[in-house]
Amino acid sequence: MAVPRPKTTPADPDHVLDCEFVLEPYFQELAEKAAEAGWDEDVVAAALVGLAEARVEMRKVNAATDSAIGRARVKRQQ
């Protein structure tokens, strides 16, 4: 699965919209495959939302961990 590169920069107000436009066909295909396998479409939608929320939380936790490691390294070098 080759996802096209962004056409906008993060500072562009349409950056998220650009990303949504690029990801939408993959998202639709995944949702359709799940429905074809017998999953209820509302359950699929809820699962995809849950996965997106978990990814956001994971990135926040990882950033906090990286920051704490960086502070500990600086403190250790003092």
N, C-alpha and C. Protein backbone atom coordinates (compact mmCIF):
# COMPACT_ATOMS: atom_id res chain seq x y z
N MET A 1 0.85 -1.18 0.00
CA MET A 1 0.00 0.00 0.00
C MET A 1 0.89 1.23 0.00
N ALA A 2 0.92 1.93 -1.10
CA ALA A 2 1.70 3.15 -1.21
C ALA A 2 0.78 4.35 -1.01
N VAL A 3 1.03 5.08 0.04
CA VAL A 3 0.23 6.27 0.34
C VAL A 3 0.96 7.48 -0.25
N PRO A 4 0.26 8.30 -1.03
CA PRO A 4 0.90 9.49 -1.61
C PRO A 4 1.43 10.44 -0.54
N ARG A 5 2.49 11.13 -0.87
CA ARG A 5 3.08 12.11 0.03
C ARG A 5 2.15 13.32 0.15
N PRO A 6 2.29 14.07 1.25
CA PRO A 6 1.45 15.28 1.42
C PRO A 6 1.69 16.31 0.32
N LYS A 7 0.62 16.98 -0.04
CA LYS A 7 0.72 18.10 -0.99
C LYS A 7 0.82 19.42 -0.25
N THR A 8 0.54 19.40 1.05
CA THR A 8 0.54 20.60 1.88
C THR A 8 1.55 20.43 3.01
N THR A 9 1.82 21.52 3.70
CA THR A 9 2.71 21.47 4.87
C THR A 9 1.84 21.46 6.13
N PRO A 10 2.41 21.05 7.27
CA PRO A 10 1.63 21.07 8.52
C PRO A 10 1.06 22.44 8.86
N ALA A 11 1.68 23.50 8.40
CA ALA A 11 1.19 24.86 8.68
C ALA A 11 -0.02 25.22 7.83
N ASP A 12 -0.26 24.50 6.77
CA ASP A 12 -1.38 24.80 5.88
C ASP A 12 -2.69 24.42 6.57
N PRO A 13 -3.67 25.31 6.55
CA PRO A 13 -4.95 25.00 7.20
C PRO A 13 -5.67 23.79 6.59
N ASP A 14 -5.32 23.42 5.37
CA ASP A 14 -5.94 22.28 4.71
C ASP A 14 -5.13 20.99 4.83
N HIS A 15 -4.11 21.00 5.68
CA HIS A 15 -3.22 19.84 5.79
C HIS A 15 -3.98 18.58 6.23
N VAL A 16 -4.82 18.70 7.24
CA VAL A 16 -5.58 17.54 7.72
C VAL A 16 -6.56 17.09 6.63
N LEU A 17 -7.19 18.02 5.96
CA LEU A 17 -8.11 17.69 4.87
C LEU A 17 -7.37 16.97 3.75
N ASP A 18 -6.16 17.41 3.44
CA ASP A 18 -5.32 16.76 2.44
C ASP A 18 -5.07 15.31 2.84
N CYS A 19 -4.74 15.09 4.11
CA CYS A 19 -4.48 13.75 4.61
C CYS A 19 -5.75 12.90 4.55
N GLU A 20 -6.87 13.46 4.96
CA GLU A 20 -8.14 12.73 4.90
C GLU A 20 -8.45 12.30 3.47
N PHE A 21 -8.23 13.18 2.53
CA PHE A 21 -8.50 12.89 1.12
C PHE A 21 -7.64 11.72 0.64
N VAL A 22 -6.38 11.70 1.05
CA VAL A 22 -5.46 10.64 0.65
C VAL A 22 -5.81 9.31 1.32
N LEU A 23 -6.17 9.35 2.60
CA LEU A 23 -6.43 8.12 3.35
C LEU A 23 -7.82 7.54 3.13
N GLU A 24 -8.75 8.36 2.67
CA GLU A 24 -10.14 7.94 2.57
C GLU A 24 -10.36 6.66 1.78
N PRO A 25 -9.73 6.47 0.62
CA PRO A 25 -9.97 5.21 -0.11
C PRO A 25 -9.49 3.98 0.66
N TYR A 26 -8.38 4.10 1.38
CA TYR A 26 -7.87 2.98 2.18
C TYR A 26 -8.81 2.70 3.36
N PHE A 27 -9.27 3.77 3.96
CA PHE A 27 -10.22 3.67 5.07
C PHE A 27 -11.50 2.97 4.61
N GLN A 28 -12.03 3.41 3.47
CA GLN A 28 -13.26 2.82 2.94
C GLN A 28 -13.06 1.34 2.61
N GLU A 29 -11.92 1.01 2.01
CA GLU A 29 -11.64 -0.37 1.66
C GLU A 29 -11.57 -1.25 2.90
N LEU A 30 -10.91 -0.76 3.94
CA LEU A 30 -10.81 -1.51 5.19
C LEU A 30 -12.19 -1.73 5.80
N ALA A 31 -12.98 -0.66 5.86
CA ALA A 31 -14.33 -0.76 6.43
C ALA A 31 -15.19 -1.72 5.61
N GLU A 32 -15.09 -1.67 4.30
CA GLU A 32 -15.87 -2.56 3.44
C GLU A 32 -15.45 -4.02 3.62
N LYS A 33 -14.14 -4.26 3.71
CA LYS A 33 -13.66 -5.63 3.91
C LYS A 33 -14.15 -6.20 5.24
N ALA A 34 -14.16 -5.36 6.27
CA ALA A 34 -14.64 -5.81 7.57
C ALA A 34 -16.14 -6.13 7.50
N ALA A 35 -16.89 -5.28 6.82
CA ALA A 35 -18.34 -5.52 6.68
C ALA A 35 -18.59 -6.79 5.86
N GLU A 36 -17.82 -6.99 4.80
CA GLU A 36 -17.96 -8.20 3.98
C GLU A 36 -17.64 -9.46 4.78
N ALA A 37 -16.76 -9.32 5.77
CA ALA A 37 -16.39 -10.46 6.61
C ALA A 37 -17.45 -10.74 7.67
N GLY A 38 -18.46 -9.87 7.76
CA GLY A 38 -19.55 -10.11 8.68
C GLY A 38 -19.63 -9.15 9.86
N TRP A 39 -18.71 -8.18 9.94
CA TRP A 39 -18.76 -7.21 11.02
C TRP A 39 -19.82 -6.16 10.73
N ASP A 40 -20.58 -5.80 11.75
CA ASP A 40 -21.58 -4.73 11.65
C ASP A 40 -20.86 -3.41 11.37
N GLU A 41 -21.40 -2.63 10.45
CA GLU A 41 -20.73 -1.38 10.06
C GLU A 41 -20.56 -0.40 11.21
N ASP A 42 -21.53 -0.36 12.14
CA ASP A 42 -21.39 0.53 13.29
C ASP A 42 -20.27 0.06 14.21
N VAL A 43 -20.12 -1.26 14.33
CA VAL A 43 -19.04 -1.82 15.14
C VAL A 43 -17.70 -1.51 14.49
N VAL A 44 -17.63 -1.64 13.18
CA VAL A 44 -16.40 -1.32 12.45
C VAL A 44 -16.03 0.15 12.66
N ALA A 45 -17.00 1.03 12.52
CA ALA A 45 -16.75 2.46 12.71
C ALA A 45 -16.25 2.74 14.12
N ALA A 46 -16.90 2.13 15.11
CA ALA A 46 -16.49 2.33 16.51
C ALA A 46 -15.07 1.79 16.73
N ALA A 47 -14.76 0.66 16.13
CA ALA A 47 -13.42 0.08 16.28
C ALA A 47 -12.36 0.98 15.65
N LEU A 48 -12.66 1.52 14.49
CA LEU A 48 -11.69 2.40 13.82
C LEU A 48 -11.46 3.68 14.61
N VAL A 49 -12.54 4.22 15.18
CA VAL A 49 -12.40 5.40 16.05
C VAL A 49 -11.55 5.05 17.26
N GLY A 50 -11.82 3.89 17.87
CA GLY A 50 -11.05 3.45 19.03
C GLY A 50 -9.58 3.29 18.70
N LEU A 51 -9.28 2.72 17.54
CA LEU A 51 -7.88 2.56 17.13
C LEU A 51 -7.21 3.91 16.90
N ALA A 52 -7.93 4.85 16.31
CA ALA A 52 -7.37 6.19 16.09
C ALA A 52 -7.09 6.88 17.43
N GLU A 53 -8.03 6.77 18.35
CA GLU A 53 -7.83 7.38 19.68
C GLU A 53 -6.66 6.73 20.41
N ALA A 54 -6.55 5.42 20.30
CA ALA A 54 -5.44 4.71 20.95
C ALA A 54 -4.10 5.15 20.36
N ARG A 55 -4.07 5.37 19.05
CA ARG A 55 -2.82 5.82 18.40
C ARG A 55 -2.43 7.22 18.89
N VAL A 56 -3.40 8.10 19.01
CA VAL A 56 -3.12 9.45 19.51
C VAL A 56 -2.57 9.36 20.93
N GLU A 57 -3.21 8.56 21.77
CA GLU A 57 -2.76 8.41 23.16
C GLU A 57 -1.36 7.80 23.22
N MET A 58 -1.10 6.80 22.38
CA MET A 58 0.21 6.17 22.33
C MET A 58 1.29 7.20 21.98
N ARG A 59 1.00 8.05 21.00
CA ARG A 59 2.00 9.07 20.61
C ARG A 59 2.26 10.05 21.74
N LYS A 60 1.21 10.44 22.48
CA LYS A 60 1.38 11.34 23.62
C LYS A 60 2.24 10.69 24.70
N VAL A 61 1.93 9.43 25.02
CA VAL A 61 2.69 8.72 26.05
C VAL A 61 4.13 8.53 25.62
N ASN A 62 4.35 8.16 24.37
CA ASN A 62 5.72 7.99 23.88
C ASN A 62 6.50 9.30 23.93
N ALA A 63 5.85 10.41 23.59
CA ALA A 63 6.52 11.71 23.64
C ALA A 63 6.87 12.06 25.08
N ALA A 64 5.97 11.79 26.01
CA ALA A 64 6.26 12.06 27.42
C ALA A 64 7.40 11.18 27.92
N THR A 65 7.44 9.93 27.50
CA THR A 65 8.51 9.02 27.89
C THR A 65 9.84 9.50 27.32
N ASP A 66 9.85 9.88 26.05
CA ASP A 66 11.07 10.39 25.43
C ASP A 66 11.58 11.63 26.15
N SER A 67 10.66 12.51 26.54
CA SER A 67 11.03 13.72 27.26
C SER A 67 11.63 13.38 28.62
N ALA A 68 11.01 12.45 29.33
CA ALA A 68 11.52 12.04 30.65
C ALA A 68 12.90 11.40 30.53
N ILE A 69 13.11 10.60 29.50
CA ILE A 69 14.42 9.99 29.28
C ILE A 69 15.46 11.07 29.00
N GLY A 70 15.09 12.04 28.19
CA GLY A 70 16.01 13.14 27.89
C GLY A 70 16.39 13.92 29.14
N ARG A 71 15.41 14.21 29.99
CA ARG A 71 15.70 14.94 31.24
C ARG A 71 16.59 14.10 32.16
N ALA A 72 16.33 12.80 32.22
CA ALA A 72 17.14 11.92 33.07
C ALA A 72 18.57 11.85 32.57
N ARG A 73 18.76 11.83 31.27
CA ARG A 73 20.13 11.81 30.71
C ARG A 73 20.88 13.08 31.04
N VAL A 74 20.18 14.23 30.92
CA VAL A 74 20.82 15.51 31.24
C VAL A 74 21.18 15.54 32.72
N LYS A 75 20.26 15.12 33.54
CA LYS A 75 20.50 15.11 35.00
C LYS A 75 21.66 14.18 35.36
N ARG A 76 21.73 13.05 34.66
CA ARG A 76 22.79 12.08 34.95
C ARG A 76 24.16 12.62 34.57
N GLN A 77 24.21 13.47 33.54
CA GLN A 77 25.47 14.03 33.07
C GLN A 77 25.96 15.18 33.94
N GLN A 78 25.10 15.69 34.80
CA GLN A 78 25.47 16.83 35.65
C GLN A 78 26.33 16.40 36.82
